[in-house]
């Protein structure tokens, strides 16, 4: 069971684009800073677009 208090939706064309998003300069620092302020666990879900 998962209860979300925040949801982040990323739309990317494919897996290569998703991987590239996490290699952009500053991305890792941003994630670590956010996790330091708001400890959380992530759940990944893939689905067809809803709209």
PDB file of N, CA and C in Angstrom:
ATOM      1  N   UNK A   1       0.841  -1.162   0.000  1.00  0.00           N
ATOM      2  CA  UNK A   1       0.000   0.000   0.000  1.00  0.00           C
ATOM      3  C   UNK A   1       0.890   1.229   0.000  1.00  0.00           C
ATOM      4  N   UNK A   2       0.529   2.198  -0.791  1.00  0.00           N
ATOM      5  CA  UNK A   2       1.282   3.440  -0.865  1.00  0.00           C
ATOM      6  C   UNK A   2       0.333   4.618  -0.679  1.00  0.00           C
ATOM      7  N   UNK A   3       0.755   5.570   0.096  1.00  0.00           N
ATOM      8  CA  UNK A   3      -0.014   6.791   0.287  1.00  0.00           C
ATOM      9  C   UNK A   3       0.862   7.935  -0.183  1.00  0.00           C
ATOM     10  N   UNK A   4       0.405   8.641  -1.180  1.00  0.00           N
ATOM     11  CA  UNK A   4       1.213   9.725  -1.749  1.00  0.00           C
ATOM     12  C   UNK A   4       0.888  11.048  -1.073  1.00  0.00           C
ATOM     13  N   UNK A   5       1.929  11.738  -0.676  1.00  0.00           N
ATOM     14  CA  UNK A   5       1.748  13.102  -0.197  1.00  0.00           C
ATOM     15  C   UNK A   5       2.236  14.087  -1.246  1.00  0.00           C
ATOM     16  N   UNK A   6       2.933  13.579  -2.236  1.00  0.00           N
ATOM     17  CA  UNK A   6       3.375  14.395  -3.369  1.00  0.00           C
ATOM     18  C   UNK A   6       3.568  13.476  -4.562  1.00  0.00           C
ATOM     19  N   UNK A   7       3.252  13.974  -5.712  1.00  0.00           N
ATOM     20  CA  UNK A   7       3.409  13.191  -6.935  1.00  0.00           C
ATOM     21  C   UNK A   7       4.169  14.037  -7.943  1.00  0.00           C
ATOM     22  N   UNK A   8       5.161  13.435  -8.547  1.00  0.00           N
ATOM     23  CA  UNK A   8       5.916  14.080  -9.616  1.00  0.00           C
ATOM     24  C   UNK A   8       5.714  13.244 -10.865  1.00  0.00           C
ATOM     25  N   UNK A   9       5.226  13.859 -11.899  1.00  0.00           N
ATOM     26  CA  UNK A   9       5.001  13.147 -13.146  1.00  0.00           C
ATOM     27  C   UNK A   9       6.003  13.616 -14.173  1.00  0.00           C
ATOM     28  N   UNK A  10       6.749  12.679 -14.719  1.00  0.00           N
ATOM     29  CA  UNK A  10       7.700  12.970 -15.782  1.00  0.00           C
ATOM     30  C   UNK A  10       7.179  12.347 -17.066  1.00  0.00           C
ATOM     31  N   UNK A  11       7.170  13.124 -18.114  1.00  0.00           N
ATOM     32  CA  UNK A  11       6.782  12.575 -19.416  1.00  0.00           C
ATOM     33  C   UNK A  11       8.016  12.600 -20.301  1.00  0.00           C
ATOM     34  N   UNK A  12       8.436  11.454 -20.724  1.00  0.00           N
ATOM     35  CA  UNK A  12       9.593  11.343 -21.609  1.00  0.00           C
ATOM     36  C   UNK A  12       9.240  10.408 -22.755  1.00  0.00           C
ATOM     37  N   UNK A  13       9.953  10.565 -23.835  1.00  0.00           N
ATOM     38  CA  UNK A  13       9.655   9.798 -25.039  1.00  0.00           C
ATOM     39  C   UNK A  13      10.003   8.315 -24.897  1.00  0.00           C
ATOM     40  N   UNK A  14      11.102   8.037 -24.174  1.00  0.00           N
ATOM     41  CA  UNK A  14      11.539   6.653 -24.057  1.00  0.00           C
ATOM     42  C   UNK A  14      12.522   6.528 -22.894  1.00  0.00           C
ATOM     43  N   UNK A  15      13.023   5.327 -22.689  1.00  0.00           N
ATOM     44  CA  UNK A  15      13.930   5.066 -21.577  1.00  0.00           C
ATOM     45  C   UNK A  15      15.232   5.862 -21.709  1.00  0.00           C
ATOM     46  N   UNK A  16      15.716   6.038 -22.919  1.00  0.00           N
ATOM     47  CA  UNK A  16      16.938   6.828 -23.111  1.00  0.00           C
ATOM     48  C   UNK A  16      16.730   8.267 -22.655  1.00  0.00           C
ATOM     49  N   UNK A  17      15.579   8.828 -22.937  1.00  0.00           N
ATOM     50  CA  UNK A  17      15.282  10.198 -22.507  1.00  0.00           C
ATOM     51  C   UNK A  17      15.167  10.275 -20.985  1.00  0.00           C
ATOM     52  N   UNK A  18      14.592   9.258 -20.356  1.00  0.00           N
ATOM     53  CA  UNK A  18      14.507   9.225 -18.892  1.00  0.00           C
ATOM     54  C   UNK A  18      15.903   9.166 -18.289  1.00  0.00           C
ATOM     55  N   UNK A  19      16.736   8.294 -18.806  1.00  0.00           N
ATOM     56  CA  UNK A  19      18.113   8.194 -18.302  1.00  0.00           C
ATOM     57  C   UNK A  19      18.861   9.508 -18.496  1.00  0.00           C
ATOM     58  N   UNK A  20      18.658  10.182 -19.610  1.00  0.00           N
ATOM     59  CA  UNK A  20      19.328  11.459 -19.872  1.00  0.00           C
ATOM     60  C   UNK A  20      18.877  12.520 -18.874  1.00  0.00           C
ATOM     61  N   UNK A  21      17.621  12.492 -18.471  1.00  0.00           N
ATOM     62  CA  UNK A  21      17.113  13.480 -17.512  1.00  0.00           C
ATOM     63  C   UNK A  21      17.867  13.401 -16.187  1.00  0.00           C
ATOM     64  N   UNK A  22      18.280  12.206 -15.795  1.00  0.00           N
ATOM     65  CA  UNK A  22      18.980  12.042 -14.527  1.00  0.00           C
ATOM     66  C   UNK A  22      20.481  12.279 -14.638  1.00  0.00           C
ATOM     67  N   UNK A  23      20.976  12.574 -15.837  1.00  0.00           N
ATOM     68  CA  UNK A  23      22.391  12.892 -15.998  1.00  0.00           C
ATOM     69  C   UNK A  23      22.604  14.382 -16.249  1.00  0.00           C
ATOM     70  N   UNK A  24      21.526  15.158 -16.274  1.00  0.00           N
ATOM     71  CA  UNK A  24      21.653  16.602 -16.467  1.00  0.00           C
ATOM     72  C   UNK A  24      22.392  17.211 -15.280  1.00  0.00           C
ATOM     73  N   UNK A  25      23.241  18.201 -15.517  1.00  0.00           N
ATOM     74  CA  UNK A  25      23.968  18.844 -14.416  1.00  0.00           C
ATOM     75  C   UNK A  25      23.003  19.381 -13.352  1.00  0.00           C
ATOM     76  N   UNK A  26      23.296  19.065 -12.096  1.00  0.00           N
ATOM     77  CA  UNK A  26      22.497  19.567 -10.985  1.00  0.00           C
ATOM     78  C   UNK A  26      21.349  18.681 -10.562  1.00  0.00           C
ATOM     79  N   UNK A  27      20.987  17.700 -11.383  1.00  0.00           N
ATOM     80  CA  UNK A  27      19.837  16.852 -11.049  1.00  0.00           C
ATOM     81  C   UNK A  27      20.077  16.067  -9.769  1.00  0.00           C
ATOM     82  N   UNK A  28      21.217  15.430  -9.640  1.00  0.00           N
ATOM     83  CA  UNK A  28      21.506  14.620  -8.450  1.00  0.00           C
ATOM     84  C   UNK A  28      21.535  15.506  -7.203  1.00  0.00           C
ATOM     85  N   UNK A  29      22.141  16.685  -7.309  1.00  0.00           N
ATOM     86  CA  UNK A  29      22.177  17.608  -6.168  1.00  0.00           C
ATOM     87  C   UNK A  29      20.772  18.030  -5.760  1.00  0.00           C
ATOM     88  N   UNK A  30      19.923  18.306  -6.733  1.00  0.00           N
ATOM     89  CA  UNK A  30      18.546  18.693  -6.445  1.00  0.00           C
ATOM     90  C   UNK A  30      17.806  17.570  -5.715  1.00  0.00           C
ATOM     91  N   UNK A  31      17.950  16.348  -6.198  1.00  0.00           N
ATOM     92  CA  UNK A  31      17.284  15.204  -5.567  1.00  0.00           C
ATOM     93  C   UNK A  31      17.784  15.009  -4.141  1.00  0.00           C
ATOM     94  N   UNK A  32      19.096  15.066  -3.940  1.00  0.00           N
ATOM     95  CA  UNK A  32      19.654  14.883  -2.593  1.00  0.00           C
ATOM     96  C   UNK A  32      19.201  15.989  -1.636  1.00  0.00           C
ATOM     97  N   UNK A  33      19.150  17.230  -2.135  1.00  0.00           N
ATOM     98  CA  UNK A  33      18.690  18.343  -1.308  1.00  0.00           C
ATOM     99  C   UNK A  33      17.221  18.150  -0.914  1.00  0.00           C
ATOM    100  N   UNK A  34      16.391  17.746  -1.846  1.00  0.00           N
ATOM    101  CA  UNK A  34      14.966  17.503  -1.568  1.00  0.00           C
ATOM    102  C   UNK A  34      14.807  16.361  -0.561  1.00  0.00           C
ATOM    103  N   UNK A  35      15.533  15.260  -0.766  1.00  0.00           N
ATOM    104  CA  UNK A  35      15.452  14.129   0.151  1.00  0.00           C
ATOM    105  C   UNK A  35      15.931  14.506   1.540  1.00  0.00           C
ATOM    106  N   UNK A  36      16.926  15.384   1.646  1.00  0.00           N
ATOM    107  CA  UNK A  36      17.416  15.821   2.945  1.00  0.00           C
ATOM    108  C   UNK A  36      16.366  16.600   3.723  1.00  0.00           C
ATOM    109  N   UNK A  37      15.563  17.356   3.015  1.00  0.00           N
ATOM    110  CA  UNK A  37      14.510  18.156   3.657  1.00  0.00           C
ATOM    111  C   UNK A  37      13.228  17.362   3.882  1.00  0.00           C
ATOM    112  N   UNK A  38      12.940  16.448   2.976  1.00  0.00           N
ATOM    113  CA  UNK A  38      11.682  15.697   3.004  1.00  0.00           C
ATOM    114  C   UNK A  38      11.978  14.221   2.762  1.00  0.00           C
ATOM    115  N   UNK A  39      12.390  13.484   3.806  1.00  0.00           N
ATOM    116  CA  UNK A  39      12.690  12.062   3.594  1.00  0.00           C
ATOM    117  C   UNK A  39      11.485  11.339   2.981  1.00  0.00           C
ATOM    118  N   UNK A  40      11.734  10.562   1.988  1.00  0.00           N
ATOM    119  CA  UNK A  40      10.653   9.838   1.315  1.00  0.00           C
ATOM    120  C   UNK A  40      11.199   8.580   0.669  1.00  0.00           C
ATOM    121  N   UNK A  41      10.289   7.752   0.276  1.00  0.00           N
ATOM    122  CA  UNK A  41      10.616   6.584  -0.530  1.00  0.00           C
ATOM    123  C   UNK A  41       9.869   6.740  -1.838  1.00  0.00           C
ATOM    124  N   UNK A  42      10.500   6.338  -2.907  1.00  0.00           N
ATOM    125  CA  UNK A  42       9.897   6.522  -4.234  1.00  0.00           C
ATOM    126  C   UNK A  42       9.274   5.231  -4.719  1.00  0.00           C
ATOM    127  N   UNK A  43       8.190   5.391  -5.406  1.00  0.00           N
ATOM    128  CA  UNK A  43       7.529   4.285  -6.094  1.00  0.00           C
ATOM    129  C   UNK A  43       7.437   4.697  -7.557  1.00  0.00           C
ATOM    130  N   UNK A  44       7.904   3.834  -8.435  1.00  0.00           N
ATOM    131  CA  UNK A  44       7.841   4.113  -9.862  1.00  0.00           C
ATOM    132  C   UNK A  44       6.646   3.386 -10.453  1.00  0.00           C
ATOM    133  N   UNK A  45       5.910   4.044 -11.303  1.00  0.00           N
ATOM    134  CA  UNK A  45       4.774   3.419 -11.976  1.00  0.00           C
ATOM    135  C   UNK A  45       4.774   3.867 -13.421  1.00  0.00           C
ATOM    136  N   UNK A  46       4.618   2.929 -14.305  1.00  0.00           N
ATOM    137  CA  UNK A  46       4.511   3.226 -15.730  1.00  0.00           C
ATOM    138  C   UNK A  46       3.074   2.942 -16.147  1.00  0.00           C
ATOM    139  N   UNK A  47       2.535   3.816 -16.964  1.00  0.00           N
ATOM    140  CA  UNK A  47       1.182   3.587 -17.462  1.00  0.00           C
ATOM    141  C   UNK A  47       0.984   4.366 -18.753  1.00  0.00           C
ATOM    142  N   UNK A  48      -0.040   4.026 -19.440  1.00  0.00           N
ATOM    143  CA  UNK A  48      -0.406   4.753 -20.633  1.00  0.00           C
ATOM    144  C   UNK A  48      -0.907   6.136 -20.227  1.00  0.00           C
ATOM    145  N   UNK A  49      -0.722   7.141 -21.074  1.00  0.00           N
ATOM    146  CA  UNK A  49      -1.252   8.468 -20.746  1.00  0.00           C
ATOM    147  C   UNK A  49      -2.737   8.414 -20.417  1.00  0.00           C
ATOM    148  N   UNK A  50      -3.143   9.195 -19.435  1.00  0.00           N
ATOM    149  CA  UNK A  50      -4.540   9.195 -19.001  1.00  0.00           C
ATOM    150  C   UNK A  50      -5.413  10.099 -19.861  1.00  0.00           C
ATOM    151  N   UNK A  51      -4.803  11.041 -20.547  1.00  0.00           N
ATOM    152  CA  UNK A  51      -5.615  11.966 -21.348  1.00  0.00           C
ATOM    153  C   UNK A  51      -5.097  12.037 -22.767  1.00  0.00           C
TER     154      UNK A  51
END
